[in-house]
Amino acid sequence: MDIVKPREPFSPDWRHVEAAARNREARRLPLYEHIICHGVMEAVLNQPVAGLFRGSDDDLREGLARTCRFFRTVGYDTVSFECCITDILPGGGALGRHVQGVIRDRADFERYPWDRIPDLFFETFSRHFDALESVLPEGMAAVGGPGNGLFECAEDLVGYMDLCYLAADDPELYEDLFRTLARVHTAIWSRFLSRYGHLYCVCRFGDDLGFRTSTLISAEDIRRLVIPGYRQVIDRIHQAGKPFLLHSCGCIFDVMEDLIAAGIDAKHSNEDQIAPFPVWVERYGDRIGNFGGIDTDAVCRLARAEMREYIHDVLARCAGHGGIAFGSGNSIPDYVPVEGFLAMTEIVREYRGE
């Protein structure tokens, strides 16, 4: 299959993305993606990327250099880069690999090496952040940081179904789990901001709190147990002078006011079957920045002319409603056609006069 190559690289300026995250209209509408799969990068660059992340330090630097080159080539001011906490949780995997949770009762919780987790994170991922620092192009900064929020880490250690049982069977342990995760996350983020915060113009984690019709646990539990941990992390991020972007999929309208009160500066993720992007902007654009715009399904299936009409309609409806960064409402996984992704970025670049 022949891939339509994008235009030549442009001069990135991370301040456009930061402005959007601070809910200010950027001078140039920024592109943004939460995640872009390596397969799409490799097709555009015509170079391997994924395998380099499993190699030596030199390979890792080259992999991140190519990642930055990809984002710059297709018109992004920032590179999205995070290292996931769930990747280093001892005994984890209930969320990503659907194995049995490592924490099933109080005894499991008490023997779990909570105090070791921050060290494990940096023993594993400092080389990644160091490599990123060595290859960031002039004018670019990163968006991301330590990936995963409290809820996803709880799911990874317990399992979603068993987490729901735990809430009913042992509410004290259920509460202790979230409070301990808040302490661990705050420790990781504090160290990260001290060592690597200068690489990032916007700090972010993803924590999918909802599905198509509701939140995954009760809104009250999110208010009582999850959001206080967010607030601790967000406070550290704000003390470091950075805005915070929350990525959370699903129908989370029931807790949006609480999330805004906790200090989120911007929010990403939208699905048309829940609410099209302009709905989020109309409801919350006077207080927070909004990242996203086009349903990932539309990137997959729309022809260029239809996609152009879709994108221009979204942007017209969002005009004058604060900070916007445009991209898919979720991510660009490996099933998204490269042509569809490139059409999206080209339409936005044409819209901004490039």
Protein backbone atom coordinates (compact mmCIF):
# COMPACT_ATOMS: atom_id res chain seq x y z
CA MET A 1 0.00 0.00 0.00
CA ASP A 2 1.34 3.43 -0.94
CA ILE A 3 1.24 5.92 1.92
CA VAL A 4 0.62 9.56 1.09
CA LYS A 5 3.57 11.34 2.62
CA PRO A 6 2.96 14.48 4.68
CA ARG A 7 4.49 17.83 3.87
CA GLU A 8 7.91 18.92 5.10
CA PRO A 9 8.51 19.51 8.81
CA PHE A 10 7.56 22.87 10.25
CA SER A 11 8.91 24.89 13.18
CA PRO A 12 7.30 23.58 16.38
CA ASP A 13 6.41 25.84 19.29
CA TRP A 14 5.26 24.05 22.44
CA ARG A 15 3.73 27.25 23.77
CA HIS A 16 0.66 26.69 21.58
CA VAL A 17 -0.15 23.46 23.43
CA GLU A 18 0.55 24.99 26.82
CA ALA A 19 -1.77 27.89 25.99
CA ALA A 20 -4.56 25.48 25.09
CA ALA A 21 -4.02 23.55 28.33
CA ARG A 22 -4.28 26.82 30.26
CA ASN A 23 -7.55 27.49 28.41
CA ARG A 24 -6.20 30.27 26.27
CA GLU A 25 -6.79 30.34 22.53
CA ALA A 26 -3.45 29.55 20.90
CA ARG A 27 -2.11 31.70 18.10
CA ARG A 28 -1.91 28.51 16.00
CA LEU A 29 -4.42 25.71 16.58
CA PRO A 30 -2.28 22.87 17.98
CA LEU A 31 -2.58 19.23 17.05
CA TYR A 32 -2.64 16.74 19.92
CA GLU A 33 -2.81 12.97 20.37
CA HIS A 34 -2.81 11.00 23.60
CA ILE A 35 -1.14 7.97 21.96
CA ILE A 36 -0.08 7.18 18.40
CA CYS A 37 0.89 3.58 17.74
CA HIS A 38 4.38 2.82 16.50
CA GLY A 39 3.00 1.21 13.34
CA VAL A 40 1.64 4.54 12.12
CA MET A 41 4.94 6.23 12.92
CA GLU A 42 6.87 3.56 11.03
CA ALA A 43 4.62 3.87 7.97
CA VAL A 44 5.07 7.65 7.82
CA LEU A 45 8.82 7.63 8.49
CA ASN A 46 9.52 4.44 6.55
CA GLN A 47 11.80 3.45 9.45
CA PRO A 48 11.49 1.02 12.36
CA VAL A 49 10.57 2.54 15.72
CA ALA A 50 9.02 -0.03 18.06
CA GLY A 51 11.97 -2.41 18.27
CA LEU A 52 14.37 0.36 19.21
CA PHE A 53 12.61 0.81 22.57
CA ARG A 54 13.63 -2.74 23.50
CA GLY A 55 17.31 -2.27 22.70
CA SER A 56 20.39 -0.56 24.12
CA ASP A 57 20.56 3.00 25.41
CA ASP A 58 21.70 4.10 21.95
CA ASP A 59 18.73 2.29 20.39
CA LEU A 60 16.38 3.94 22.87
CA ARG A 61 17.72 7.40 22.03
CA GLU A 62 17.28 6.69 18.34
CA GLY A 63 13.74 5.41 18.92
CA LEU A 64 12.82 8.59 20.77
CA ALA A 65 14.57 10.74 18.15
CA ARG A 66 12.45 9.10 15.47
CA THR A 67 9.33 9.54 17.60
CA CYS A 68 10.04 13.26 17.91
CA ARG A 69 10.80 13.45 14.19
CA PHE A 70 7.46 11.84 13.42
CA PHE A 71 5.47 14.29 15.56
CA ARG A 72 7.31 17.24 14.06
CA THR A 73 6.92 15.93 10.50
CA VAL A 74 3.14 15.73 10.71
CA GLY A 75 2.72 19.14 12.33
CA TYR A 76 2.77 18.71 16.11
CA ASP A 77 4.30 21.22 18.49
CA THR A 78 4.79 18.59 21.21
CA VAL A 79 5.61 14.91 21.53
CA SER A 80 3.31 12.76 23.66
CA PHE A 81 5.42 10.57 25.90
CA GLU A 82 4.64 8.76 29.11
CA CYS A 83 5.95 5.76 31.04
CA CYS A 84 3.19 3.76 32.68
CA ILE A 85 3.12 3.00 36.39
CA THR A 86 1.20 -0.20 35.67
CA ASP A 87 4.22 -1.51 33.77
CA ILE A 88 6.27 -1.75 36.98
CA LEU A 89 3.68 -2.80 39.58
CA PRO A 90 4.87 -6.10 41.13
CA GLY A 91 2.28 -8.76 40.39
CA GLY A 92 0.19 -6.35 38.31
CA GLY A 93 -1.55 -7.15 35.06
CA ALA A 94 -5.22 -7.55 35.98
CA LEU A 95 -6.05 -4.50 33.86
CA GLY A 96 -3.87 -5.00 30.80
CA ARG A 97 -3.35 -8.77 30.72
CA HIS A 98 -6.52 -9.84 32.55
CA VAL A 99 -4.67 -12.02 35.05
CA GLN A 100 -5.91 -12.56 38.59
CA GLY A 101 -5.29 -9.57 40.83
CA VAL A 102 -2.36 -9.72 43.21
CA ILE A 103 -4.33 -8.04 46.02
CA ARG A 104 -7.33 -10.07 47.14
CA ASP A 105 -7.49 -9.46 50.89
CA ARG A 106 -5.95 -7.53 53.77
CA ALA A 107 -2.95 -9.88 54.02
CA ASP A 108 -2.09 -9.30 50.34
CA PHE A 109 -2.39 -5.56 50.86
CA GLU A 110 -0.16 -5.56 53.94
CA ARG A 111 2.63 -7.57 52.31
CA TYR A 112 2.59 -5.58 49.07
CA PRO A 113 5.84 -3.57 48.54
CA TRP A 114 4.20 -0.13 48.33
CA ASP A 115 7.29 1.80 49.42
CA ARG A 116 9.36 0.16 46.69
CA ILE A 117 7.20 1.32 43.78
CA PRO A 118 8.64 4.85 43.30
CA ASP A 119 12.17 3.43 43.18
CA LEU A 120 11.07 0.74 40.73
CA PHE A 121 9.53 3.37 38.47
CA PHE A 122 12.72 5.39 38.20
CA GLU A 123 15.03 2.35 38.06
CA THR A 124 13.02 1.25 35.02
CA PHE A 125 12.24 4.51 33.27
CA SER A 126 14.92 7.09 34.10
CA ARG A 127 16.81 5.95 31.00
CA HIS A 128 13.73 6.74 28.90
CA PHE A 129 13.34 10.26 30.24
CA ASP A 130 17.11 10.82 30.00
CA ALA A 131 17.00 9.73 26.37
CA LEU A 132 14.08 12.04 25.67
CA GLU A 133 16.02 14.96 27.12
CA SER A 134 18.93 14.25 24.78
CA VAL A 135 16.84 14.27 21.58
CA LEU A 136 14.03 16.82 22.02
CA PRO A 137 14.12 19.11 18.96
CA GLU A 138 14.34 22.85 19.36
CA GLY A 139 10.91 24.33 19.94
CA MET A 140 9.35 21.06 21.09
CA ALA A 141 8.43 19.92 24.58
CA ALA A 142 6.69 16.82 25.82
CA VAL A 143 3.19 16.16 27.12
CA GLY A 144 2.78 13.29 29.56
CA GLY A 145 4.85 11.98 32.46
CA PRO A 146 4.13 8.98 34.70
CA GLY A 147 1.15 7.33 33.01
CA ASN A 148 -1.96 5.85 34.69
CA GLY A 149 -4.05 7.36 37.43
CA LEU A 150 -5.16 5.85 40.72
CA PHE A 151 -8.18 4.02 39.36
CA GLU A 152 -6.31 2.20 36.60
CA CYS A 153 -3.60 1.16 39.07
CA ALA A 154 -6.27 -0.17 41.46
CA GLU A 155 -7.77 -2.14 38.56
CA ASP A 156 -4.34 -3.47 37.64
CA LEU A 157 -3.67 -4.76 41.16
CA VAL A 158 -7.14 -6.07 41.99
CA GLY A 159 -9.10 -6.43 38.76
CA TYR A 160 -12.19 -4.43 37.89
CA MET A 161 -14.78 -7.03 38.91
CA ASP A 162 -12.95 -7.91 42.13
CA LEU A 163 -12.54 -4.21 42.91
CA CYS A 164 -16.33 -3.90 42.80
CA TYR A 165 -16.66 -6.91 45.13
CA LEU A 166 -14.03 -5.43 47.43
CA ALA A 167 -16.04 -2.22 47.77
CA ALA A 168 -18.93 -4.26 49.20
CA ASP A 169 -17.05 -7.00 51.07
CA ASP A 170 -14.26 -4.99 52.70
CA PRO A 171 -14.92 -1.25 52.39
CA GLU A 172 -12.07 -0.39 54.75
CA LEU A 173 -9.54 -2.21 52.57
CA TYR A 174 -11.11 -0.64 49.48
CA GLU A 175 -10.54 2.82 50.96
CA ASP A 176 -7.02 1.98 52.15
CA LEU A 177 -6.10 0.83 48.64
CA PHE A 178 -6.94 4.18 47.06
CA ARG A 179 -5.38 6.21 49.85
CA THR A 180 -2.15 4.22 49.58
CA LEU A 181 -2.10 4.61 45.80
CA ALA A 182 -2.52 8.37 46.27
CA ARG A 183 0.60 8.40 48.45
CA VAL A 184 2.57 6.34 45.92
CA HIS A 185 1.50 8.48 42.96
CA THR A 186 2.34 11.69 44.78
CA ALA A 187 5.82 10.35 45.58
CA ILE A 188 6.43 9.37 41.94
CA TRP A 189 5.19 12.67 40.56
CA SER A 190 7.16 14.74 43.08
CA ARG A 191 10.40 13.05 42.06
CA PHE A 192 9.51 13.18 38.36
CA LEU A 193 8.80 16.91 38.44
CA SER A 194 12.08 17.59 40.22
CA ARG A 195 14.16 15.59 37.74
CA TYR A 196 12.28 15.81 34.44
CA GLY A 197 9.60 18.46 34.73
CA HIS A 198 11.62 20.87 32.57
CA LEU A 199 11.07 18.58 29.56
CA TYR A 200 7.27 18.87 29.78
CA CYS A 201 5.04 21.82 28.94
CA VAL A 202 1.90 19.93 30.03
CA CYS A 203 1.73 17.12 32.58
CA ARG A 204 -0.80 14.37 32.01
CA PHE A 205 -2.00 10.98 33.07
CA GLY A 206 -4.77 8.80 31.73
CA ASP A 207 -7.36 7.30 34.06
CA ASP A 208 -10.45 5.94 32.31
CA LEU A 209 -13.20 6.53 34.86
CA GLY A 210 -16.19 5.74 32.65
CA PHE A 211 -17.77 3.79 29.85
CA ARG A 212 -20.49 4.70 27.37
CA THR A 213 -23.32 5.36 29.82
CA SER A 214 -21.82 5.95 33.26
CA THR A 215 -18.77 5.94 35.50
CA LEU A 216 -17.16 2.55 36.17
CA ILE A 217 -17.53 2.90 39.94
CA SER A 218 -20.00 5.16 41.69
CA ALA A 219 -19.55 8.88 41.29
CA GLU A 220 -19.54 9.13 45.08
CA ASP A 221 -16.59 6.71 45.33
CA ILE A 222 -14.71 8.70 42.70
CA ARG A 223 -15.33 11.92 44.65
CA ARG A 224 -14.40 10.37 47.97
CA LEU A 225 -11.45 8.14 47.07
CA VAL A 226 -10.02 8.91 43.63
CA ILE A 227 -10.21 12.67 43.23
CA PRO A 228 -8.45 13.48 46.53
CA GLY A 229 -5.43 11.59 45.18
CA TYR A 230 -5.68 13.54 41.94
CA ARG A 231 -5.67 16.75 43.93
CA GLN A 232 -2.42 15.81 45.68
CA VAL A 233 -0.70 15.16 42.34
CA ILE A 234 -2.20 18.22 40.64
CA ASP A 235 -1.06 20.43 43.51
CA ARG A 236 2.53 19.22 42.96
CA ILE A 237 2.23 19.85 39.23
CA HIS A 238 0.90 23.36 39.77
CA GLN A 239 3.65 24.08 42.30
CA ALA A 240 6.10 23.18 39.52
CA GLY A 241 4.43 25.77 37.28
CA LYS A 242 2.85 23.25 34.89
CA PRO A 243 -0.76 22.81 33.73
CA PHE A 244 -2.41 19.40 34.16
CA LEU A 245 -4.34 17.54 31.45
CA LEU A 246 -6.61 14.64 32.43
CA HIS A 247 -7.30 11.95 29.85
CA SER A 248 -10.40 10.03 30.86
CA CYS A 249 -12.67 8.08 28.55
CA GLY A 250 -16.34 7.47 29.13
CA CYS A 251 -19.42 9.27 30.34
CA ILE A 252 -17.98 11.14 33.32
CA PHE A 253 -20.31 14.13 33.42
CA ASP A 254 -21.37 13.20 36.96
CA VAL A 255 -17.86 13.96 38.27
CA MET A 256 -16.70 16.73 35.93
CA GLU A 257 -17.51 19.51 38.38
CA ASP A 258 -15.50 17.68 41.05
CA LEU A 259 -12.57 17.20 38.67
CA ILE A 260 -12.57 20.89 37.80
CA ALA A 261 -12.72 21.77 41.50
CA ALA A 262 -9.71 19.48 42.07
CA GLY A 263 -7.70 21.64 39.70
CA ILE A 264 -7.57 19.97 36.29
CA ASP A 265 -6.60 22.55 33.68
CA ALA A 266 -7.73 20.61 30.63
CA LYS A 267 -9.50 17.38 29.70
CA HIS A 268 -9.07 14.96 26.78
CA SER A 269 -11.24 12.21 25.31
CA ASN A 270 -14.55 12.34 23.49
CA GLU A 271 -16.74 9.80 21.73
CA ASP A 272 -19.65 10.94 19.59
CA GLN A 273 -21.99 8.27 21.01
CA ILE A 274 -21.46 9.78 24.47
CA ALA A 275 -21.26 13.44 23.48
CA PRO A 276 -19.60 15.12 20.49
CA PHE A 277 -16.61 17.29 21.26
CA PRO A 278 -18.50 20.61 20.98
CA VAL A 279 -20.77 19.50 23.84
CA TRP A 280 -17.76 19.19 26.16
CA VAL A 281 -16.48 22.57 24.98
CA GLU A 282 -19.85 24.28 25.42
CA ARG A 283 -20.26 22.87 28.93
CA TYR A 284 -16.74 23.38 30.26
CA GLY A 285 -14.82 25.61 27.86
CA ASP A 286 -15.27 28.67 30.05
CA ARG A 287 -13.21 26.97 32.79
CA ILE A 288 -10.86 24.36 31.28
CA GLY A 289 -9.07 23.65 28.02
CA ASN A 290 -10.45 20.88 25.84
CA PHE A 291 -8.33 18.45 23.81
CA GLY A 292 -9.76 16.15 21.14
CA GLY A 293 -12.31 16.84 18.43
CA ILE A 294 -12.92 14.00 15.98
CA ASP A 295 -14.19 10.58 17.03
CA THR A 296 -11.53 7.95 16.33
CA ASP A 297 -14.16 5.96 14.42
CA ALA A 298 -14.54 8.90 12.02
CA VAL A 299 -10.78 8.94 11.41
CA CYS A 300 -11.10 5.28 10.41
CA ARG A 301 -14.07 5.46 8.06
CA LEU A 302 -14.57 8.96 6.60
CA ALA A 303 -13.32 9.94 3.18
CA ARG A 304 -11.21 13.11 3.10
CA ALA A 305 -14.05 15.38 1.93
CA GLU A 306 -16.39 14.09 4.64
CA MET A 307 -13.65 14.38 7.24
CA ARG A 308 -12.95 17.96 6.21
CA GLU A 309 -16.63 18.84 6.63
CA TYR A 310 -16.71 17.12 10.03
CA ILE A 311 -13.58 18.90 11.30
CA HIS A 312 -14.61 22.34 10.05
CA ASP A 313 -18.04 21.93 11.64
CA VAL A 314 -16.47 21.00 14.99
CA LEU A 315 -14.06 23.93 14.89
CA ALA A 316 -16.82 26.37 13.94
CA ARG A 317 -18.96 25.22 16.87
CA CYS A 318 -16.01 25.51 19.27
CA ALA A 319 -14.87 28.97 18.19
CA GLY A 320 -14.64 31.43 21.04
CA HIS A 321 -14.89 28.81 23.79
CA GLY A 322 -11.37 28.92 25.21
CA GLY A 323 -8.33 26.71 24.71
CA ILE A 324 -8.59 23.96 22.09
CA ALA A 325 -6.07 21.38 20.87
CA PHE A 326 -7.35 19.23 18.02
CA GLY A 327 -6.97 15.53 17.31
CA SER A 328 -8.77 12.26 17.79
CA GLY A 329 -11.09 11.89 20.73
CA ASN A 330 -9.13 8.90 22.01
CA SER A 331 -5.90 7.81 20.30
CA ILE A 332 -4.45 6.46 17.06
CA PRO A 333 -4.19 2.67 17.57
CA ASP A 334 -2.94 0.22 14.97
CA TYR A 335 -6.36 -0.27 13.34
CA VAL A 336 -6.57 3.38 12.27
CA PRO A 337 -5.66 3.67 8.56
CA VAL A 338 -2.53 5.74 8.08
CA GLU A 339 -4.28 7.61 5.26
CA GLY A 340 -7.08 8.60 7.63
CA PHE A 341 -4.67 9.85 10.26
CA LEU A 342 -2.69 11.88 7.72
CA ALA A 343 -5.90 13.29 6.24
CA MET A 344 -6.88 14.55 9.69
CA THR A 345 -3.56 16.27 10.31
CA GLU A 346 -3.45 17.74 6.80
CA ILE A 347 -6.97 19.19 7.14
CA VAL A 348 -6.03 20.87 10.41
CA ARG A 349 -2.80 22.23 8.92
CA GLU A 350 -4.71 23.59 5.93
CA TYR A 351 -7.24 25.15 8.32
CA ARG A 352 -4.44 27.02 10.08
CA GLY A 353 -3.04 28.25 6.78
CA GLU A 354 -0.02 26.00 6.24
